[in-house]
């Protein structure tokens, strides 16, 4: 029997949310809206 994977999970240890993409959980990250720093390469 195959277990159904959740589309989103929350890690209580580090406080990070993850989203399921294909077979991998990727952390959901966002930049703060009030951050005025320039992002350059």
Protein backbone atom coordinates (compact mmCIF):
# COMPACT_ATOMS: atom_id res chain seq x y z
CA UNK A 1 0.00 0.00 0.00
CA UNK A 2 1.40 3.39 -1.02
CA UNK A 3 1.22 6.26 1.48
CA UNK A 4 -0.18 9.58 0.27
CA UNK A 5 2.32 12.44 0.74
CA UNK A 6 1.08 15.74 2.13
CA UNK A 7 1.36 18.71 -0.25
CA UNK A 8 2.70 20.96 2.56
CA UNK A 9 4.42 20.14 5.84
CA UNK A 10 5.73 22.22 8.77
CA UNK A 11 8.91 21.29 10.65
CA UNK A 12 8.33 22.12 14.33
CA UNK A 13 12.08 21.92 15.09
CA UNK A 14 13.24 24.68 12.72
CA UNK A 15 9.90 26.41 12.03
CA UNK A 16 10.20 26.05 8.23
CA UNK A 17 7.30 25.12 5.94
CA UNK A 18 7.94 22.83 2.97
CA UNK A 19 5.98 22.18 -0.24
CA UNK A 20 5.98 18.92 -2.17
CA UNK A 21 7.41 19.24 -5.69
CA UNK A 22 7.52 15.92 -7.57
CA UNK A 23 9.18 13.60 -4.99
CA UNK A 24 10.98 16.30 -2.98
CA UNK A 25 10.05 18.70 -0.21
CA UNK A 26 11.35 22.21 -0.99
CA UNK A 27 11.47 24.91 1.73
CA UNK A 28 9.01 27.76 1.24
CA UNK A 29 11.03 30.96 1.48
CA UNK A 30 10.12 34.59 0.91
CA UNK A 31 12.03 37.86 1.12
CA UNK A 32 10.70 40.35 3.65
CA UNK A 33 8.59 43.05 1.98
CA UNK A 34 10.14 45.87 4.02
CA UNK A 35 13.75 44.99 3.10
CA UNK A 36 15.24 47.76 0.92
CA UNK A 37 18.58 46.08 0.27
CA UNK A 38 19.67 45.80 -3.37
CA UNK A 39 19.98 42.21 -4.62
CA UNK A 40 22.78 41.90 -7.19
CA UNK A 41 24.90 39.18 -8.64
